[in-house]
Amino acid sequence: MQATGTLRVRVYTSQAQIPLEGATVVVAAAGEESKWKLLSIQNTDSSGMIRTIQIDTPALREST
């Protein structure tokens, strides 16, 4: 049974963790026949964040 998870992404610079606005974030998942499935393309906001993404996750017994 497939489950759903939430992916949150934050982009920042240096160890000072300064948010990076306008960075392009591409989220993809392995698809069929060694191809990638595009899930999201977003730019970060002023806090370095993108909108959360709902993604399919493996069954708990198959996760590591």
C-alpha atoms as a PDB file:
ATOM      1  CA  MET A   1       0.000   0.000   0.000  1.00  0.00           C
ATOM      2  CA  GLN A   2       1.400   3.373  -1.041  1.00  0.00           C
ATOM      3  CA  ALA A   3       1.580   6.100   1.550  1.00  0.00           C
ATOM      4  CA  THR A   4       2.046   9.833   1.154  1.00  0.00           C
ATOM      5  CA  GLY A   5       4.692  12.029   2.703  1.00  0.00           C
ATOM      6  CA  THR A   6       5.449  15.733   2.753  1.00  0.00           C
ATOM      7  CA  LEU A   7       8.688  17.160   1.421  1.00  0.00           C
ATOM      8  CA  ARG A   8       9.874  20.540   2.680  1.00  0.00           C
ATOM      9  CA  VAL A   9      12.884  22.243   1.097  1.00  0.00           C
ATOM     10  CA  ARG A  10      14.924  25.127   2.486  1.00  0.00           C
ATOM     11  CA  VAL A  11      17.851  26.624   0.566  1.00  0.00           C
ATOM     12  CA  TYR A  12      20.467  28.663   2.391  1.00  0.00           C
ATOM     13  CA  THR A  13      24.041  29.840   1.986  1.00  0.00           C
ATOM     14  CA  SER A  14      27.004  29.110   4.238  1.00  0.00           C
ATOM     15  CA  GLN A  15      27.032  27.809   7.784  1.00  0.00           C
ATOM     16  CA  ALA A  16      25.315  31.049   8.824  1.00  0.00           C
ATOM     17  CA  GLN A  17      22.195  29.600   7.109  1.00  0.00           C
ATOM     18  CA  ILE A  18      21.270  32.808   5.271  1.00  0.00           C
ATOM     19  CA  PRO A  19      18.102  32.129   3.200  1.00  0.00           C
ATOM     20  CA  LEU A  20      18.588  32.174  -0.565  1.00  0.00           C
ATOM     21  CA  GLU A  21      15.700  33.797  -2.434  1.00  0.00           C
ATOM     22  CA  GLY A  22      15.031  32.908  -6.081  1.00  0.00           C
ATOM     23  CA  ALA A  23      16.858  29.563  -6.162  1.00  0.00           C
ATOM     24  CA  THR A  24      15.303  27.026  -8.531  1.00  0.00           C
ATOM     25  CA  VAL A  25      14.459  23.694  -6.894  1.00  0.00           C
ATOM     26  CA  VAL A  26      13.695  20.678  -9.081  1.00  0.00           C
ATOM     27  CA  VAL A  27      12.160  17.608  -7.438  1.00  0.00           C
ATOM     28  CA  ALA A  28      12.107  14.380  -9.428  1.00  0.00           C
ATOM     29  CA  ALA A  29      11.553  10.697  -8.668  1.00  0.00           C
ATOM     30  CA  ALA A  30      12.847   7.599 -10.368  1.00  0.00           C
ATOM     31  CA  GLY A  31      10.283   6.484 -12.913  1.00  0.00           C
ATOM     32  CA  GLU A  32       9.896   3.532 -15.193  1.00  0.00           C
ATOM     33  CA  GLU A  33      12.607   2.346 -17.599  1.00  0.00           C
ATOM     34  CA  SER A  34      15.375   4.400 -15.950  1.00  0.00           C
ATOM     35  CA  LYS A  35      13.566   7.681 -16.654  1.00  0.00           C
ATOM     36  CA  TRP A  36      12.831  10.445 -14.184  1.00  0.00           C
ATOM     37  CA  LYS A  37       9.349  11.659 -13.250  1.00  0.00           C
ATOM     38  CA  LEU A  38       9.207  15.426 -12.664  1.00  0.00           C
ATOM     39  CA  LEU A  39       7.288  16.214  -9.469  1.00  0.00           C
ATOM     40  CA  SER A  40       7.861  19.956  -9.007  1.00  0.00           C
ATOM     41  CA  ILE A  41       9.834  22.987 -10.183  1.00  0.00           C
ATOM     42  CA  GLN A  42       9.670  25.980  -7.852  1.00  0.00           C
ATOM     43  CA  ASN A  43      11.665  29.070  -6.893  1.00  0.00           C
ATOM     44  CA  THR A  44      12.436  29.774  -3.259  1.00  0.00           C
ATOM     45  CA  ASP A  45      10.775  32.678  -1.481  1.00  0.00           C
ATOM     46  CA  SER A  46      12.451  35.296   0.722  1.00  0.00           C
ATOM     47  CA  SER A  47      12.825  32.739   3.527  1.00  0.00           C
ATOM     48  CA  GLY A  48      14.566  30.258   1.204  1.00  0.00           C
ATOM     49  CA  MET A  49      11.563  27.904   1.249  1.00  0.00           C
ATOM     50  CA  ILE A  50       9.353  26.363  -1.424  1.00  0.00           C
ATOM     51  CA  ARG A  51       5.744  25.240  -1.031  1.00  0.00           C
ATOM     52  CA  THR A  52       5.495  21.764   0.485  1.00  0.00           C
ATOM     53  CA  ILE A  53       5.192  18.857  -1.924  1.00  0.00           C
ATOM     54  CA  GLN A  54       3.122  15.716  -1.364  1.00  0.00           C
ATOM     55  CA  ILE A  55       5.038  12.645  -2.563  1.00  0.00           C
ATOM     56  CA  ASP A  56       4.387   8.926  -2.638  1.00  0.00           C
ATOM     57  CA  THR A  57       6.457   6.973  -0.138  1.00  0.00           C
ATOM     58  CA  PRO A  58       7.306   3.274   0.018  1.00  0.00           C
ATOM     59  CA  ALA A  59       5.466   0.980   2.347  1.00  0.00           C
ATOM     60  CA  LEU A  60       6.868   1.165   5.889  1.00  0.00           C
ATOM     61  CA  ARG A  61       8.248  -2.380   5.658  1.00  0.00           C
ATOM     62  CA  GLU A  62      10.230  -1.380   2.527  1.00  0.00           C
ATOM     63  CA  SER A  63      11.753   1.834   3.929  1.00  0.00           C
ATOM     64  CA  THR A  64      15.217   2.189   5.374  1.00  0.00           C
END
